[in-house]
Amino acid sequence: MTPILLLFGLGLLLIVAEVFIPSLGVLGLLASLCIIGAVVWAFTISNAFGGQVLLAAAVFVPLLIALAFKL
């Protein structure tokens, strides 16, 4: 479970970095892959945990993007 949360956290960190570092979308692509990978991996463990990670992604990704643009 810890690697899934670390992968998810890395994806969130990369989203914030994409806003501040011009990378032509490379960091955004890596962030998307990390978050999608974390969600898929969580669903392989259990449906309940996968749903929780998916819900966290649906809440935190737009929130972090809005906060990063605000800064």
N, C-alpha and C. Protein backbone atom coordinates (compact mmCIF):
# COMPACT_ATOMS: atom_id res chain seq x y z
N MET A 1 0.82 -1.19 0.00
CA MET A 1 0.00 0.00 0.00
C MET A 1 0.87 1.26 0.00
N THR A 2 2.00 1.21 0.65
CA THR A 2 2.87 2.39 0.70
C THR A 2 3.40 2.79 -0.67
N PRO A 3 3.83 1.86 -1.54
CA PRO A 3 4.28 2.30 -2.87
C PRO A 3 3.18 2.98 -3.68
N ILE A 4 1.96 2.57 -3.48
CA ILE A 4 0.85 3.19 -4.19
C ILE A 4 0.69 4.64 -3.75
N LEU A 5 0.75 4.87 -2.45
CA LEU A 5 0.62 6.23 -1.94
C LEU A 5 1.81 7.09 -2.33
N LEU A 6 2.99 6.51 -2.38
CA LEU A 6 4.17 7.26 -2.84
C LEU A 6 4.05 7.61 -4.32
N LEU A 7 3.57 6.70 -5.12
CA LEU A 7 3.37 6.97 -6.54
C LEU A 7 2.32 8.05 -6.74
N PHE A 8 1.26 8.00 -5.96
CA PHE A 8 0.21 9.02 -6.02
C PHE A 8 0.76 10.38 -5.60
N GLY A 9 1.54 10.40 -4.53
CA GLY A 9 2.15 11.64 -4.06
C GLY A 9 3.13 12.21 -5.07
N LEU A 10 3.88 11.35 -5.73
CA LEU A 10 4.79 11.80 -6.78
C LEU A 10 4.02 12.43 -7.93
N GLY A 11 2.90 11.84 -8.28
CA GLY A 11 2.06 12.40 -9.33
C GLY A 11 1.54 13.79 -8.97
N LEU A 12 1.13 13.95 -7.71
CA LEU A 12 0.66 15.27 -7.26
C LEU A 12 1.79 16.29 -7.26
N LEU A 13 2.97 15.87 -6.86
CA LEU A 13 4.13 16.76 -6.86
C LEU A 13 4.50 17.17 -8.29
N LEU A 14 4.41 16.25 -9.20
CA LEU A 14 4.71 16.55 -10.60
C LEU A 14 3.69 17.50 -11.21
N ILE A 15 2.44 17.43 -10.76
CA ILE A 15 1.43 18.37 -11.24
C ILE A 15 1.79 19.79 -10.82
N VAL A 16 2.19 19.95 -9.58
CA VAL A 16 2.59 21.28 -9.10
C VAL A 16 3.83 21.75 -9.84
N ALA A 17 4.78 20.85 -10.07
CA ALA A 17 6.00 21.22 -10.79
C ALA A 17 5.68 21.62 -12.22
N GLU A 18 4.70 21.01 -12.83
CA GLU A 18 4.32 21.35 -14.21
C GLU A 18 3.86 22.80 -14.31
N VAL A 19 3.22 23.30 -13.29
CA VAL A 19 2.75 24.68 -13.32
C VAL A 19 3.92 25.65 -13.26
N PHE A 20 4.95 25.32 -12.49
CA PHE A 20 6.05 26.25 -12.27
C PHE A 20 7.23 26.06 -13.22
N ILE A 21 7.40 24.87 -13.77
CA ILE A 21 8.54 24.59 -14.64
C ILE A 21 8.02 24.35 -16.05
N PRO A 22 8.44 25.15 -17.02
CA PRO A 22 7.99 24.91 -18.39
C PRO A 22 8.66 23.67 -18.98
N SER A 23 7.89 22.63 -19.17
CA SER A 23 8.46 21.36 -19.65
C SER A 23 7.76 20.85 -20.91
N LEU A 24 6.95 21.70 -21.52
CA LEU A 24 6.21 21.32 -22.73
C LEU A 24 5.31 20.11 -22.51
N GLY A 25 4.83 19.94 -21.30
CA GLY A 25 3.89 18.87 -21.02
C GLY A 25 4.49 17.56 -20.55
N VAL A 26 5.82 17.48 -20.50
CA VAL A 26 6.45 16.22 -20.09
C VAL A 26 6.14 15.91 -18.64
N LEU A 27 6.24 16.91 -17.76
CA LEU A 27 5.93 16.67 -16.36
C LEU A 27 4.44 16.35 -16.16
N GLY A 28 3.59 16.98 -16.94
CA GLY A 28 2.17 16.69 -16.85
C GLY A 28 1.86 15.27 -17.29
N LEU A 29 2.54 14.81 -18.34
CA LEU A 29 2.36 13.44 -18.81
C LEU A 29 2.84 12.45 -17.74
N LEU A 30 4.00 12.72 -17.16
CA LEU A 30 4.51 11.84 -16.10
C LEU A 30 3.59 11.84 -14.89
N ALA A 31 3.04 13.01 -14.55
CA ALA A 31 2.11 13.09 -13.43
C ALA A 31 0.86 12.27 -13.70
N SER A 32 0.35 12.38 -14.91
CA SER A 32 -0.84 11.61 -15.28
C SER A 32 -0.58 10.12 -15.21
N LEU A 33 0.57 9.71 -15.72
CA LEU A 33 0.92 8.29 -15.68
C LEU A 33 1.08 7.79 -14.25
N CYS A 34 1.67 8.60 -13.39
CA CYS A 34 1.83 8.20 -11.99
C CYS A 34 0.48 8.04 -11.30
N ILE A 35 -0.40 8.99 -11.50
CA ILE A 35 -1.70 8.94 -10.82
C ILE A 35 -2.55 7.81 -11.39
N ILE A 36 -2.56 7.65 -12.69
CA ILE A 36 -3.32 6.55 -13.29
C ILE A 36 -2.74 5.21 -12.84
N GLY A 37 -1.42 5.11 -12.80
CA GLY A 37 -0.79 3.88 -12.32
C GLY A 37 -1.14 3.57 -10.88
N ALA A 38 -1.18 4.60 -10.04
CA ALA A 38 -1.53 4.39 -8.63
C ALA A 38 -2.97 3.93 -8.49
N VAL A 39 -3.86 4.49 -9.28
CA VAL A 39 -5.28 4.10 -9.21
C VAL A 39 -5.45 2.65 -9.68
N VAL A 40 -4.82 2.32 -10.80
CA VAL A 40 -4.93 0.95 -11.33
C VAL A 40 -4.34 -0.05 -10.35
N TRP A 41 -3.17 0.29 -9.80
CA TRP A 41 -2.52 -0.60 -8.85
C TRP A 41 -3.38 -0.77 -7.60
N ALA A 42 -4.03 0.30 -7.15
CA ALA A 42 -4.89 0.21 -5.98
C ALA A 42 -6.10 -0.69 -6.26
N PHE A 43 -6.64 -0.63 -7.48
CA PHE A 43 -7.77 -1.50 -7.82
C PHE A 43 -7.35 -2.96 -7.88
N THR A 44 -6.08 -3.25 -8.16
CA THR A 44 -5.65 -4.65 -8.15
C THR A 44 -5.59 -5.20 -6.74
N ILE A 45 -5.44 -4.33 -5.76
CA ILE A 45 -5.42 -4.78 -4.37
C ILE A 45 -6.84 -5.04 -3.87
N SER A 46 -7.70 -4.04 -4.00
CA SER A 46 -9.11 -4.22 -3.66
C SER A 46 -9.93 -3.11 -4.31
N ASN A 47 -11.19 -3.41 -4.54
CA ASN A 47 -12.06 -2.42 -5.16
C ASN A 47 -12.30 -1.23 -4.24
N ALA A 48 -12.39 -1.48 -2.94
CA ALA A 48 -12.62 -0.39 -2.00
C ALA A 48 -11.43 0.56 -1.96
N PHE A 49 -10.23 0.01 -1.91
CA PHE A 49 -9.03 0.86 -1.87
C PHE A 49 -8.86 1.60 -3.19
N GLY A 50 -9.17 0.95 -4.28
CA GLY A 50 -9.10 1.60 -5.59
C GLY A 50 -10.08 2.76 -5.68
N GLY A 51 -11.26 2.57 -5.15
CA GLY A 51 -12.25 3.64 -5.14
C GLY A 51 -11.81 4.82 -4.29
N GLN A 52 -11.15 4.52 -3.17
CA GLN A 52 -10.66 5.60 -2.31
C GLN A 52 -9.56 6.40 -2.98
N VAL A 53 -8.66 5.72 -3.66
CA VAL A 53 -7.57 6.41 -4.37
C VAL A 53 -8.14 7.21 -5.54
N LEU A 54 -9.12 6.65 -6.23
CA LEU A 54 -9.75 7.37 -7.34
C LEU A 54 -10.47 8.62 -6.84
N LEU A 55 -11.16 8.51 -5.72
CA LEU A 55 -11.83 9.66 -5.13
C LEU A 55 -10.81 10.72 -4.69
N ALA A 56 -9.70 10.27 -4.10
CA ALA A 56 -8.66 11.21 -3.70
C ALA A 56 -8.08 11.93 -4.91
N ALA A 57 -7.91 11.21 -6.01
CA ALA A 57 -7.40 11.84 -7.23
C ALA A 57 -8.41 12.86 -7.76
N ALA A 58 -9.68 12.52 -7.72
CA ALA A 58 -10.72 13.43 -8.22
C ALA A 58 -10.81 14.70 -7.37
N VAL A 59 -10.43 14.61 -6.11
CA VAL A 59 -10.48 15.78 -5.24
C VAL A 59 -9.18 16.57 -5.28
N PHE A 60 -8.04 15.88 -5.15
CA PHE A 60 -6.77 16.57 -4.98
C PHE A 60 -6.19 17.14 -6.26
N VAL A 61 -6.39 16.50 -7.39
CA VAL A 61 -5.79 16.99 -8.64
C VAL A 61 -6.34 18.37 -9.01
N PRO A 62 -7.65 18.56 -9.10
CA PRO A 62 -8.12 19.92 -9.42
C PRO A 62 -7.78 20.94 -8.34
N LEU A 63 -7.80 20.50 -7.09
CA LEU A 63 -7.47 21.41 -5.99
C LEU A 63 -6.02 21.89 -6.09
N LEU A 64 -5.10 20.97 -6.35
CA LEU A 64 -3.69 21.35 -6.47
C LEU A 64 -3.43 22.21 -7.70
N ILE A 65 -4.11 21.93 -8.78
CA ILE A 65 -3.92 22.75 -9.99
C ILE A 65 -4.40 24.17 -9.71
N ALA A 66 -5.55 24.32 -9.07
CA ALA A 66 -6.07 25.65 -8.76
C ALA A 66 -5.14 26.38 -7.79
N LEU A 67 -4.64 25.68 -6.77
CA LEU A 67 -3.75 26.33 -5.81
C LEU A 67 -2.41 26.71 -6.44
N ALA A 68 -1.90 25.88 -7.33
CA ALA A 68 -0.63 26.19 -7.97
C ALA A 68 -0.77 27.40 -8.89
N PHE A 69 -1.88 27.50 -9.62
CA PHE A 69 -2.08 28.67 -10.47
C PHE A 69 -2.32 29.93 -9.64
N LYS A 70 -2.91 29.76 -8.47
CA LYS A 70 -3.14 30.90 -7.58
C LYS A 70 -1.82 31.48 -7.09
N LEU A 71 -0.85 30.60 -6.83
CA LEU A 71 0.47 31.05 -6.36
C LEU A 71 1.20 31.73 -7.49
